[in-house]
Amino acid sequence: MANSAPSVKVVTDNLGLEDLRAVIAAKDEELRQKDLMMREVNHRVANSLQLASSILRMQAYQEPDEHTRDQLEKAGLRISSIQHVHDRLYRSGDMRGVEFALYLRELCNDLSTSVLQEESGGRKFDVSVECDRIRLPTDYVSKLGLVVNEFVTNAFKHGTKPGKPCEIRVRGAVVGGKLNLSVADSGAGLPEGFDIARIKGLGMRLVRFVAGSLSGEAGAMNNDRGATFYVEIPLPVVEPDIKAV
């Protein structure tokens, strides 16, 4: 009997370890299934947004009224900028945030190959992007995508000197715990007394609303080559990895 006690204890310990392994395996599988589900949800949302954007832009092409056509086109682009966020979430598999520099490049490339190319009329243009590498929450990225969309399309339409190519510089810089996101053009600059807070158009109102919702501010100023529009917001902490790319 004295020799049987240790063997009983070993068997009991082994059963406990196996039970623990089974629980851990079950939890791992549960997390894997939730991750797959979230990725699938983001994929479906991205597809739905892309479809909505395409429908609006198709309708714009068929609209005879120029003002209505322009508004439909802008609405399609705004939805497209949000779609890029969900598309990047699906491809990365990380639901916590988005690499903003990569997203910014993709968004500007999409703008360059779609609306800017279609409306250029043979006019030369160049869109460059420089951004510090940092992760941002998805809701921040969605909102900032709308801002970039407004600034870039505005720079293309109004920030060009006659007979000159349109140069648009998109920048994202982290300074003193804040993100400064700006779009500069090569146009004639802003008129004296220009105040972004007094612009009544939907695009600039949307920009001001987004900046305010992120506890930041929006502004505009002249630079050495044209005008610069910007938003500055406090930087949220989401696995920051700040270095130039």
Protein backbone atom coordinates (compact mmCIF):
# COMPACT_ATOMS: atom_id res chain seq x y z
CA MET A 1 0.00 0.00 0.00
CA ALA A 2 2.87 2.35 0.75
CA ASN A 3 4.15 1.98 -2.81
CA SER A 4 0.76 2.71 -4.40
CA ALA A 5 0.31 6.26 -3.04
CA PRO A 6 2.87 8.00 -5.30
CA SER A 7 1.39 6.41 -8.44
CA VAL A 8 -2.10 7.63 -7.49
CA LYS A 9 -0.74 11.18 -7.00
CA VAL A 10 0.99 11.10 -10.40
CA VAL A 11 -2.18 9.97 -12.13
CA THR A 12 -4.16 12.74 -10.41
CA ASP A 13 -1.59 15.37 -11.41
CA ASN A 14 -1.60 14.15 -15.01
CA LEU A 15 -5.35 14.37 -15.19
CA GLY A 16 -5.22 17.97 -13.92
CA LEU A 17 -2.60 18.91 -16.49
CA GLU A 18 -4.58 17.36 -19.32
CA ASP A 19 -7.70 19.19 -18.18
CA LEU A 20 -5.75 22.48 -18.16
CA ARG A 21 -4.39 21.80 -21.64
CA ALA A 22 -7.90 21.09 -22.87
CA VAL A 23 -9.21 24.36 -21.42
CA ILE A 24 -6.35 26.35 -22.97
CA ALA A 25 -6.88 24.65 -26.34
CA ALA A 26 -10.59 25.41 -26.20
CA LYS A 27 -9.92 29.07 -25.36
CA ASP A 28 -7.36 29.34 -28.17
CA GLU A 29 -9.87 27.93 -30.63
CA GLU A 30 -12.55 30.31 -29.36
CA LEU A 31 -10.22 33.29 -29.86
CA ARG A 32 -9.25 32.03 -33.33
CA GLN A 33 -12.89 31.75 -34.33
CA LYS A 34 -13.63 35.27 -33.02
CA ASP A 35 -10.65 36.64 -34.95
CA LEU A 36 -11.85 34.94 -38.13
CA MET A 37 -15.34 36.29 -37.56
CA MET A 38 -14.05 39.86 -37.07
CA ARG A 39 -11.93 39.63 -40.20
CA GLU A 40 -14.91 38.36 -42.16
CA VAL A 41 -17.10 41.17 -40.80
CA ASN A 42 -14.54 43.78 -41.86
CA HIS A 43 -14.23 42.13 -45.26
CA ARG A 44 -17.99 42.24 -45.77
CA VAL A 45 -18.19 45.85 -44.55
CA ALA A 46 -15.38 46.83 -46.94
CA ASN A 47 -17.17 45.16 -49.85
CA SER A 48 -20.45 46.85 -48.97
CA LEU A 49 -18.78 50.26 -48.74
CA GLN A 50 -17.02 49.69 -52.04
CA LEU A 51 -20.34 48.79 -53.65
CA ALA A 52 -22.03 51.91 -52.23
CA SER A 53 -19.14 54.09 -53.45
CA SER A 54 -19.28 52.55 -56.93
CA ILE A 55 -23.05 53.07 -57.17
CA LEU A 56 -22.74 56.75 -56.24
CA ARG A 57 -19.95 57.34 -58.73
CA MET A 58 -21.81 55.49 -61.50
CA GLN A 59 -24.81 57.69 -60.79
CA ALA A 60 -22.54 60.74 -60.96
CA TYR A 61 -21.41 59.82 -64.46
CA GLN A 62 -25.02 59.72 -65.63
CA GLU A 63 -26.09 62.94 -63.90
CA PRO A 64 -26.48 65.85 -66.37
CA ASP A 65 -26.41 68.57 -63.71
CA GLU A 66 -22.79 69.49 -62.97
CA HIS A 67 -23.35 70.47 -59.33
CA THR A 68 -25.28 67.29 -58.53
CA ARG A 69 -22.68 65.22 -60.36
CA ASP A 70 -19.92 66.80 -58.29
CA GLN A 71 -21.73 66.14 -55.01
CA LEU A 72 -22.36 62.48 -55.90
CA GLU A 73 -18.71 62.05 -56.83
CA LYS A 74 -17.58 63.54 -53.53
CA ALA A 75 -19.95 61.31 -51.57
CA GLY A 76 -18.55 58.27 -53.33
CA LEU A 77 -15.00 59.28 -52.48
CA ARG A 78 -15.88 59.86 -48.83
CA ILE A 79 -17.29 56.35 -48.56
CA SER A 80 -14.26 54.97 -50.39
CA SER A 81 -11.89 56.51 -47.83
CA ILE A 82 -13.72 54.65 -45.03
CA GLN A 83 -13.70 51.45 -47.09
CA HIS A 84 -9.90 51.53 -47.17
CA VAL A 85 -9.81 51.30 -43.37
CA HIS A 86 -11.87 48.11 -43.27
CA ASP A 87 -9.94 46.65 -46.18
CA ARG A 88 -6.65 47.19 -44.33
CA LEU A 89 -8.11 45.68 -41.14
CA TYR A 90 -9.16 42.58 -43.07
CA ARG A 91 -5.74 42.15 -44.65
CA SER A 92 -3.74 42.79 -41.49
CA GLY A 93 -5.87 40.64 -39.19
CA ASP A 94 -5.22 43.11 -36.34
CA MET A 95 -8.39 44.74 -35.06
CA ARG A 96 -6.62 47.10 -32.65
CA GLY A 97 -5.47 49.69 -35.14
CA VAL A 98 -4.15 50.61 -38.57
CA GLU A 99 -0.67 51.57 -39.79
CA PHE A 100 -1.52 55.13 -40.74
CA ALA A 101 1.40 55.73 -43.13
CA LEU A 102 0.45 52.71 -45.26
CA TYR A 103 -3.21 53.65 -45.22
CA LEU A 104 -2.39 57.22 -46.24
CA ARG A 105 -0.34 56.05 -49.22
CA GLU A 106 -3.09 53.71 -50.39
CA LEU A 107 -5.77 56.37 -50.04
CA CYS A 108 -3.77 58.98 -51.98
CA ASN A 109 -2.90 56.44 -54.65
CA ASP A 110 -6.59 55.62 -55.02
CA LEU A 111 -7.43 59.32 -55.35
CA SER A 112 -4.66 59.77 -57.93
CA THR A 113 -5.81 56.89 -60.11
CA SER A 114 -9.52 57.67 -59.86
CA VAL A 115 -11.00 61.13 -59.49
CA LEU A 116 -7.81 63.14 -60.10
CA GLN A 117 -6.96 61.17 -63.22
CA GLU A 118 -10.52 61.38 -64.51
CA GLU A 119 -10.80 65.13 -63.97
CA SER A 120 -7.27 66.10 -64.99
CA GLY A 121 -8.18 66.70 -68.63
CA GLY A 122 -4.58 66.00 -69.54
CA ARG A 123 -3.27 68.34 -66.85
CA LYS A 124 -0.16 67.00 -65.12
CA PHE A 125 -0.28 66.42 -61.40
CA ASP A 126 1.83 64.75 -58.74
CA VAL A 127 0.76 63.61 -55.27
CA SER A 128 3.55 62.84 -52.79
CA VAL A 129 3.10 61.36 -49.32
CA GLU A 130 5.41 61.49 -46.31
CA CYS A 131 4.23 60.25 -42.94
CA ASP A 132 5.74 59.15 -39.65
CA ARG A 133 5.10 55.49 -39.00
CA ILE A 134 2.47 55.07 -36.31
CA ARG A 135 -0.58 52.97 -35.48
CA LEU A 136 -3.88 54.73 -34.91
CA PRO A 137 -7.27 53.45 -33.72
CA THR A 138 -9.61 52.56 -36.54
CA ASP A 139 -12.11 55.30 -35.71
CA TYR A 140 -9.32 57.90 -35.90
CA VAL A 141 -8.15 56.59 -39.26
CA SER A 142 -11.67 56.60 -40.71
CA LYS A 143 -12.15 60.23 -39.75
CA LEU A 144 -8.71 61.37 -40.87
CA GLY A 145 -9.27 59.62 -44.20
CA LEU A 146 -12.25 61.89 -44.78
CA VAL A 147 -10.07 64.92 -44.00
CA VAL A 148 -7.37 63.85 -46.47
CA ASN A 149 -9.99 63.19 -49.12
CA GLU A 150 -11.37 66.71 -48.74
CA PHE A 151 -7.97 68.40 -48.64
CA VAL A 152 -6.52 66.53 -51.64
CA THR A 153 -9.52 67.02 -53.92
CA ASN A 154 -9.70 70.68 -52.88
CA ALA A 155 -5.99 71.17 -53.64
CA PHE A 156 -6.40 69.56 -57.05
CA LYS A 157 -9.32 71.79 -58.02
CA HIS A 158 -8.16 75.09 -56.57
CA GLY A 159 -4.43 74.86 -55.81
CA THR A 160 -2.92 75.09 -59.27
CA LYS A 161 -1.38 77.97 -61.17
CA PRO A 162 -2.48 78.31 -64.83
CA GLY A 163 -0.24 76.34 -67.16
CA LYS A 164 1.64 74.69 -64.29
CA PRO A 165 1.49 71.07 -63.08
CA CYS A 166 -0.43 70.48 -59.87
CA GLU A 167 1.84 69.40 -57.01
CA ILE A 168 0.16 68.10 -53.87
CA ARG A 169 2.21 67.24 -50.79
CA VAL A 170 0.54 65.16 -48.08
CA ARG A 171 2.37 65.06 -44.74
CA GLY A 172 1.77 63.37 -41.41
CA ALA A 173 4.16 64.38 -38.63
CA VAL A 174 4.16 63.56 -34.93
CA VAL A 175 5.43 66.50 -32.84
CA GLY A 176 5.04 67.01 -29.11
CA GLY A 177 2.43 64.32 -28.64
CA LYS A 178 0.28 65.58 -31.51
CA LEU A 179 -0.33 64.47 -35.07
CA ASN A 180 -0.15 67.23 -37.65
CA LEU A 181 -1.77 66.12 -40.90
CA SER A 182 -1.39 68.59 -43.76
CA VAL A 183 -1.95 68.90 -47.50
CA ALA A 184 0.00 71.58 -49.38
CA ASP A 185 -0.57 72.70 -52.97
CA SER A 186 1.36 74.69 -55.56
CA GLY A 187 -1.35 77.24 -56.34
CA ALA A 188 -1.74 80.96 -55.92
CA GLY A 189 -2.14 80.78 -52.15
CA LEU A 190 -4.94 81.93 -49.89
CA PRO A 191 -6.51 85.38 -50.15
CA GLU A 192 -5.86 87.88 -47.38
CA GLY A 193 -8.10 87.31 -44.38
CA PHE A 194 -8.93 83.70 -45.33
CA ASP A 195 -10.43 81.82 -42.38
CA ILE A 196 -11.25 78.13 -42.67
CA ALA A 197 -13.83 78.52 -39.89
CA ARG A 198 -15.91 80.79 -42.14
CA ILE A 199 -16.07 78.43 -45.14
CA LYS A 200 -19.65 77.17 -45.51
CA GLY A 201 -19.04 74.32 -47.96
CA LEU A 202 -19.84 70.79 -46.78
CA GLY A 203 -16.24 69.63 -47.23
CA MET A 204 -14.65 72.17 -44.90
CA ARG A 205 -17.51 71.86 -42.42
CA LEU A 206 -16.83 68.13 -42.35
CA VAL A 207 -13.13 68.80 -41.74
CA ARG A 208 -13.89 71.10 -38.81
CA PHE A 209 -16.32 68.57 -37.36
CA VAL A 210 -13.76 65.75 -37.58
CA ALA A 211 -11.03 67.86 -35.98
CA GLY A 212 -13.36 68.84 -33.15
CA SER A 213 -14.50 65.25 -32.57
CA LEU A 214 -10.84 64.28 -32.08
CA SER A 215 -10.20 67.19 -29.67
CA GLY A 216 -8.09 68.92 -32.31
CA GLU A 217 -8.25 71.90 -34.62
CA ALA A 218 -8.27 72.65 -38.35
CA GLY A 219 -6.55 75.52 -40.09
CA ALA A 220 -5.03 76.88 -43.28
CA MET A 221 -2.06 79.09 -44.14
CA ASN A 222 0.10 80.12 -47.05
CA ASN A 223 3.45 78.43 -47.67
CA ASP A 224 6.37 79.27 -49.96
CA ARG A 225 4.68 77.56 -52.94
CA GLY A 226 0.94 77.87 -52.37
CA ALA A 227 -1.50 77.00 -49.59
CA THR A 228 -1.49 74.44 -46.79
CA PHE A 229 -4.56 73.02 -45.09
CA TYR A 230 -4.09 71.01 -41.90
CA VAL A 231 -5.60 69.38 -38.85
CA GLU A 232 -3.75 68.88 -35.58
CA ILE A 233 -4.98 66.35 -33.03
CA PRO A 234 -3.71 64.89 -29.74
CA LEU A 235 -2.00 61.59 -30.44
CA PRO A 236 -3.73 58.49 -29.01
CA VAL A 237 -1.50 55.73 -27.67
CA VAL A 238 -1.89 52.59 -29.80
CA GLU A 239 1.40 50.70 -30.07
CA PRO A 240 3.30 53.73 -31.41
CA ASP A 241 6.34 53.08 -33.57
CA ILE A 242 7.39 56.50 -34.78
CA LYS A 243 10.05 56.66 -37.45
CA ALA A 244 10.20 58.08 -40.95
CA VAL A 245 9.16 55.87 -43.86
